[in-house]
Amino acid sequence: MKNQLFEEAKRSDTLSRRLIDNLLESMQYSSISFINWTIDVLRILRTRIERGDKIHDEVSGVLYTKKSFQEFVKKNFSSYIYSQVFSDPKKAEKVYFTLEACEGGYNLVIAPSSKEKTYRWISSLSERFSLVEMIATGIVYIKDIRNNSYMPFLSQNGKYCRYDEQAGKILEI
C-alpha cells in the first residue's frame, strides 16, 4: 500500500484522498519508519512542484504552488517534518529517538525530549571504564569515559550479558 502511494506521489498530477489521509495519519505515529516515509513523499511533491508540475489536491481542490504547498506542510505536519522538507539540511531541526522492543527487534520511536536516557549506570570499574546497561535491550556495555564510547561486555564464552539487579550479577544471555 505504501509503495502504491509513493508511486502516486512520484507520478500523479492529483493527490488522492487516500494519499493525503495516509500522510496526515502518519502524524499519529512516532515511529521513524512512518516519519521517514512522510518526509520522503513530501520532498518528492516539493521537488515536483518546484520544477513546475501542476499538482492538484483532491481533498481541498487546491492547485499547489511552492507557497501553498509549504503552507500545507507547515499547517498539517510537525515542525520536525517541516524542517526536513524545507530547511537547508544544516539547519534542519534535530529529533532524538529511543528504542522500543517489538516482535523481531526494536522500533525507533521519537523520544519525548533530548534528555531521554539510553544507558543506565551499573558500576565503575576504574577511573576510565564503567559498566552500563542499555535500557531498551538490557545488554551490558563497557563505557570508556575518556572517549565516550561503548562496547558490549562479552563473557569469556563470547556471549552478550545482561545485568540481574536482584542478584547483583552479570549473566550470560
C-alpha atoms as a PDB file:
ATOM      1  CA  MET A   1       0.000   0.000   0.000  1.00  0.00           C
ATOM      2  CA  LYS A   2       2.752   2.472   0.959  1.00  0.00           C
ATOM      3  CA  ASN A   3       4.608   1.658  -2.267  1.00  0.00           C
ATOM      4  CA  GLN A   4       1.497   2.408  -4.339  1.00  0.00           C
ATOM      5  CA  LEU A   5       1.069   5.735  -2.554  1.00  0.00           C
ATOM      6  CA  PHE A   6       4.756   6.537  -3.010  1.00  0.00           C
ATOM      7  CA  GLU A   7       4.422   5.864  -6.748  1.00  0.00           C
ATOM      8  CA  GLU A   8       1.319   8.072  -6.825  1.00  0.00           C
ATOM      9  CA  ALA A   9       3.294  10.922  -5.271  1.00  0.00           C
ATOM     10  CA  LYS A  10       6.016  10.467  -7.893  1.00  0.00           C
ATOM     11  CA  ARG A  11       3.751  10.348 -10.940  1.00  0.00           C
ATOM     12  CA  SER A  12       0.189  11.546 -10.417  1.00  0.00           C
ATOM     13  CA  ASP A  13      -0.994  15.097 -11.004  1.00  0.00           C
ATOM     14  CA  THR A  14      -3.704  14.607  -8.358  1.00  0.00           C
ATOM     15  CA  LEU A  15      -3.047  13.901  -4.703  1.00  0.00           C
ATOM     16  CA  SER A  16      -5.726  11.381  -3.835  1.00  0.00           C
ATOM     17  CA  ARG A  17      -7.698  11.431  -0.612  1.00  0.00           C
ATOM     18  CA  ARG A  18      -6.013   8.113   0.272  1.00  0.00           C
ATOM     19  CA  LEU A  19      -2.509   9.589  -0.080  1.00  0.00           C
ATOM     20  CA  ILE A  20      -3.386  12.718   1.899  1.00  0.00           C
ATOM     21  CA  ASP A  21      -5.086  10.640   4.610  1.00  0.00           C
ATOM     22  CA  ASN A  22      -2.010   8.399   4.893  1.00  0.00           C
ATOM     23  CA  LEU A  23       0.318  11.388   5.129  1.00  0.00           C
ATOM     24  CA  LEU A  24      -1.817  13.007   7.827  1.00  0.00           C
ATOM     25  CA  GLU A  25      -2.280   9.697   9.654  1.00  0.00           C
ATOM     26  CA  SER A  26       1.488   9.356   9.947  1.00  0.00           C
ATOM     27  CA  MET A  27       1.393  12.263  12.410  1.00  0.00           C
ATOM     28  CA  GLN A  28      -0.294   9.922  14.909  1.00  0.00           C
ATOM     29  CA  TYR A  29       2.742   7.618  14.986  1.00  0.00           C
ATOM     30  CA  SER A  30       6.154   8.355  16.390  1.00  0.00           C
ATOM     31  CA  SER A  31       7.996   5.518  14.641  1.00  0.00           C
ATOM     32  CA  ILE A  32      10.899   6.553  12.450  1.00  0.00           C
ATOM     33  CA  SER A  33       9.641   4.469   9.520  1.00  0.00           C
ATOM     34  CA  PHE A  34       6.349   6.432   9.334  1.00  0.00           C
ATOM     35  CA  ILE A  35       8.124   9.753   9.758  1.00  0.00           C
ATOM     36  CA  ASN A  36      10.753   8.982   7.101  1.00  0.00           C
ATOM     37  CA  TRP A  37       8.096   7.798   4.639  1.00  0.00           C
ATOM     38  CA  THR A  38       6.161  11.037   5.145  1.00  0.00           C
ATOM     39  CA  ILE A  39       9.292  13.157   4.699  1.00  0.00           C
ATOM     40  CA  ASP A  40      10.241  11.264   1.526  1.00  0.00           C
ATOM     41  CA  VAL A  41       6.783  11.714  -0.016  1.00  0.00           C
ATOM     42  CA  LEU A  42       6.604  15.406   0.887  1.00  0.00           C
ATOM     43  CA  ARG A  43      10.092  16.001  -0.530  1.00  0.00           C
ATOM     44  CA  ILE A  44       9.097  14.357  -3.802  1.00  0.00           C
ATOM     45  CA  LEU A  45       5.990  16.520  -4.002  1.00  0.00           C
ATOM     46  CA  ARG A  46       8.020  19.648  -3.205  1.00  0.00           C
ATOM     47  CA  THR A  47      10.549  18.823  -5.926  1.00  0.00           C
ATOM     48  CA  ARG A  48       7.820  18.177  -8.477  1.00  0.00           C
ATOM     49  CA  ILE A  49       6.053  21.445  -7.647  1.00  0.00           C
ATOM     50  CA  GLU A  50       9.343  23.398  -7.796  1.00  0.00           C
ATOM     51  CA  ARG A  51      10.114  22.014 -11.252  1.00  0.00           C
ATOM     52  CA  GLY A  52       6.710  23.169 -12.479  1.00  0.00           C
ATOM     53  CA  ASP A  53       4.448  20.115 -12.204  1.00  0.00           C
ATOM     54  CA  LYS A  54       0.799  21.040 -11.657  1.00  0.00           C
ATOM     55  CA  ILE A  55      -0.355  19.022  -8.649  1.00  0.00           C
ATOM     56  CA  HIS A  56      -3.997  19.195  -7.609  1.00  0.00           C
ATOM     57  CA  ASP A  57      -5.235  18.301  -4.089  1.00  0.00           C
ATOM     58  CA  GLU A  58      -8.331  16.072  -4.404  1.00  0.00           C
ATOM     59  CA  VAL A  59      -9.499  16.932  -0.871  1.00  0.00           C
ATOM     60  CA  SER A  60      -9.204  20.728  -0.791  1.00  0.00           C
ATOM     61  CA  GLY A  61      -9.281  21.364  -4.539  1.00  0.00           C
ATOM     62  CA  VAL A  62      -6.081  23.448  -4.311  1.00  0.00           C
ATOM     63  CA  LEU A  63      -3.637  23.541  -7.220  1.00  0.00           C
ATOM     64  CA  TYR A  64      -0.353  23.707  -5.324  1.00  0.00           C
ATOM     65  CA  THR A  65       2.229  26.414  -5.820  1.00  0.00           C
ATOM     66  CA  LYS A  66       5.530  26.484  -3.943  1.00  0.00           C
ATOM     67  CA  LYS A  67       4.000  28.797  -1.348  1.00  0.00           C
ATOM     68  CA  SER A  68       0.667  26.985  -0.906  1.00  0.00           C
ATOM     69  CA  PHE A  69       2.397  23.599  -0.588  1.00  0.00           C
ATOM     70  CA  GLN A  70       4.787  24.984   2.021  1.00  0.00           C
ATOM     71  CA  GLU A  71       1.792  26.360   3.953  1.00  0.00           C
ATOM     72  CA  PHE A  72       0.021  22.983   3.700  1.00  0.00           C
ATOM     73  CA  VAL A  73       3.043  21.178   5.186  1.00  0.00           C
ATOM     74  CA  LYS A  74       3.557  23.799   7.909  1.00  0.00           C
ATOM     75  CA  LYS A  75      -0.119  23.653   8.942  1.00  0.00           C
ATOM     76  CA  ASN A  76      -0.568  19.873   8.917  1.00  0.00           C
ATOM     77  CA  PHE A  77       2.771  18.362   9.983  1.00  0.00           C
ATOM     78  CA  SER A  78       5.193  18.635  12.882  1.00  0.00           C
ATOM     79  CA  SER A  79       7.926  21.251  12.916  1.00  0.00           C
ATOM     80  CA  TYR A  80      10.447  18.424  12.585  1.00  0.00           C
ATOM     81  CA  ILE A  81       8.868  17.131   9.355  1.00  0.00           C
ATOM     82  CA  TYR A  82       8.517  20.680   8.021  1.00  0.00           C
ATOM     83  CA  SER A  83      12.183  21.384   8.704  1.00  0.00           C
ATOM     84  CA  GLN A  84      13.266  18.165   6.995  1.00  0.00           C
ATOM     85  CA  VAL A  85      11.251  19.001   3.875  1.00  0.00           C
ATOM     86  CA  PHE A  86      12.002  22.731   3.545  1.00  0.00           C
ATOM     87  CA  SER A  87      15.090  23.709   5.552  1.00  0.00           C
ATOM     88  CA  ASP A  88      18.700  23.663   4.499  1.00  0.00           C
ATOM     89  CA  PRO A  89      19.943  20.255   5.764  1.00  0.00           C
ATOM     90  CA  LYS A  90      22.448  22.003   8.045  1.00  0.00           C
ATOM     91  CA  LYS A  91      19.632  23.973   9.698  1.00  0.00           C
ATOM     92  CA  ALA A  92      17.007  21.217   9.850  1.00  0.00           C
ATOM     93  CA  GLU A  93      15.541  20.512  13.265  1.00  0.00           C
ATOM     94  CA  LYS A  94      17.066  17.602  15.145  1.00  0.00           C
ATOM     95  CA  VAL A  95      14.975  14.997  16.906  1.00  0.00           C
ATOM     96  CA  TYR A  96      16.033  12.115  19.123  1.00  0.00           C
ATOM     97  CA  PHE A  97      14.767   8.551  19.142  1.00  0.00           C
ATOM     98  CA  THR A  98      14.606   5.783  21.712  1.00  0.00           C
ATOM     99  CA  LEU A  99      14.487   2.043  21.182  1.00  0.00           C
ATOM    100  CA  GLU A 100      11.239   0.210  21.840  1.00  0.00           C
ATOM    101  CA  ALA A 101      11.117  -3.592  21.827  1.00  0.00           C
ATOM    102  CA  CYS A 102       8.833  -5.146  19.223  1.00  0.00           C
ATOM    103  CA  GLU A 103       8.439  -8.563  17.669  1.00  0.00           C
ATOM    104  CA  GLY A 104      11.686  -9.481  15.954  1.00  0.00           C
ATOM    105  CA  GLY A 105      13.672  -6.422  17.026  1.00  0.00           C
ATOM    106  CA  TYR A 106      13.333  -2.800  18.033  1.00  0.00           C
ATOM    107  CA  ASN A 107      11.473   0.221  16.708  1.00  0.00           C
ATOM    108  CA  LEU A 108      13.000   3.665  16.750  1.00  0.00           C
ATOM    109  CA  VAL A 109      10.422   5.944  18.385  1.00  0.00           C
ATOM    110  CA  ILE A 110      10.629   9.700  18.866  1.00  0.00           C
ATOM    111  CA  ALA A 111      11.887  10.477  22.354  1.00  0.00           C
ATOM    112  CA  PRO A 112       9.800  12.868  24.431  1.00  0.00           C
ATOM    113  CA  SER A 113      12.927  15.006  24.930  1.00  0.00           C
ATOM    114  CA  SER A 114      16.600  15.163  24.080  1.00  0.00           C
ATOM    115  CA  LYS A 115      17.328  14.283  27.718  1.00  0.00           C
ATOM    116  CA  GLU A 116      15.971  10.726  27.351  1.00  0.00           C
ATOM    117  CA  LYS A 117      18.480   8.264  28.822  1.00  0.00           C
ATOM    118  CA  THR A 118      19.788   5.423  26.676  1.00  0.00           C
ATOM    119  CA  TYR A 119      22.063   3.811  29.255  1.00  0.00           C
ATOM    120  CA  ARG A 120      21.757   3.158  32.989  1.00  0.00           C
ATOM    121  CA  TRP A 121      24.924   3.162  35.087  1.00  0.00           C
ATOM    122  CA  ILE A 122      25.744  -0.129  36.870  1.00  0.00           C
ATOM    123  CA  SER A 123      29.175   0.491  38.387  1.00  0.00           C
ATOM    124  CA  SER A 124      32.603   2.000  37.800  1.00  0.00           C
ATOM    125  CA  LEU A 125      35.400  -0.429  37.033  1.00  0.00           C
ATOM    126  CA  SER A 126      38.113   2.224  37.147  1.00  0.00           C
ATOM    127  CA  GLU A 127      38.542   5.943  36.585  1.00  0.00           C
ATOM    128  CA  ARG A 128      38.300   5.298  32.855  1.00  0.00           C
ATOM    129  CA  PHE A 129      35.742   2.480  32.494  1.00  0.00           C
ATOM    130  CA  SER A 130      32.190   1.940  33.747  1.00  0.00           C
ATOM    131  CA  LEU A 131      29.652  -0.806  33.286  1.00  0.00           C
ATOM    132  CA  VAL A 132      26.335   0.423  31.920  1.00  0.00           C
ATOM    133  CA  GLU A 133      23.149  -1.248  30.760  1.00  0.00           C
ATOM    134  CA  MET A 134      21.351  -0.234  27.573  1.00  0.00           C
ATOM    135  CA  ILE A 135      17.870   0.412  28.939  1.00  0.00           C
ATOM    136  CA  ALA A 136      15.945  -0.834  25.891  1.00  0.00           C
ATOM    137  CA  THR A 137      17.826  -4.105  25.430  1.00  0.00           C
ATOM    138  CA  GLY A 138      19.149  -4.920  28.905  1.00  0.00           C
ATOM    139  CA  ILE A 139      22.592  -5.632  27.377  1.00  0.00           C
ATOM    140  CA  VAL A 140      25.638  -4.657  29.451  1.00  0.00           C
ATOM    141  CA  TYR A 141      28.253  -2.381  27.870  1.00  0.00           C
ATOM    142  CA  ILE A 142      31.625  -1.055  28.925  1.00  0.00           C
ATOM    143  CA  LYS A 143      31.735   2.726  28.676  1.00  0.00           C
ATOM    144  CA  ASP A 144      35.098   4.330  28.017  1.00  0.00           C
ATOM    145  CA  ILE A 145      34.719   7.637  29.832  1.00  0.00           C
ATOM    146  CA  ARG A 146      37.795   9.172  28.208  1.00  0.00           C
ATOM    147  CA  ASN A 147      36.467   8.997  24.641  1.00  0.00           C
ATOM    148  CA  ASN A 148      32.763   8.475  25.477  1.00  0.00           C
ATOM    149  CA  SER A 149      32.499   5.203  23.551  1.00  0.00           C
ATOM    150  CA  TYR A 150      30.653   1.975  24.313  1.00  0.00           C
ATOM    151  CA  MET A 151      31.423  -1.646  23.543  1.00  0.00           C
ATOM    152  CA  PRO A 152      29.407  -4.713  24.527  1.00  0.00           C
ATOM    153  CA  PHE A 153      30.574  -6.593  27.588  1.00  0.00           C
ATOM    154  CA  LEU A 154      31.206 -10.155  26.396  1.00  0.00           C
ATOM    155  CA  SER A 155      31.639 -13.169  28.664  1.00  0.00           C
ATOM    156  CA  GLN A 156      34.654 -15.469  28.426  1.00  0.00           C
ATOM    157  CA  ASN A 157      32.420 -17.640  26.211  1.00  0.00           C
ATOM    158  CA  GLY A 158      31.924 -14.736  23.785  1.00  0.00           C
ATOM    159  CA  LYS A 159      28.277 -14.188  24.765  1.00  0.00           C
ATOM    160  CA  TYR A 160      26.439 -10.950  25.438  1.00  0.00           C
ATOM    161  CA  CYS A 161      25.460 -10.331  29.033  1.00  0.00           C
ATOM    162  CA  ARG A 162      22.654  -8.715  30.991  1.00  0.00           C
ATOM    163  CA  TYR A 163      22.652  -7.315  34.496  1.00  0.00           C
ATOM    164  CA  ASP A 164      20.467  -9.008  37.116  1.00  0.00           C
ATOM    165  CA  GLU A 165      19.841  -6.222  39.604  1.00  0.00           C
ATOM    166  CA  GLN A 166      18.226  -8.543  42.190  1.00  0.00           C
ATOM    167  CA  ALA A 167      21.190 -10.910  42.287  1.00  0.00           C
ATOM    168  CA  GLY A 168      23.765  -8.188  41.668  1.00  0.00           C
ATOM    169  CA  LYS A 169      25.343 -10.317  38.930  1.00  0.00           C
ATOM    170  CA  ILE A 170      26.150 -10.042  35.278  1.00  0.00           C
ATOM    171  CA  LEU A 171      24.686 -13.059  33.490  1.00  0.00           C
ATOM    172  CA  GLU A 172      25.260 -14.512  30.025  1.00  0.00           C
ATOM    173  CA  ILE A 173      22.352 -14.360  27.640  1.00  0.00           C
END
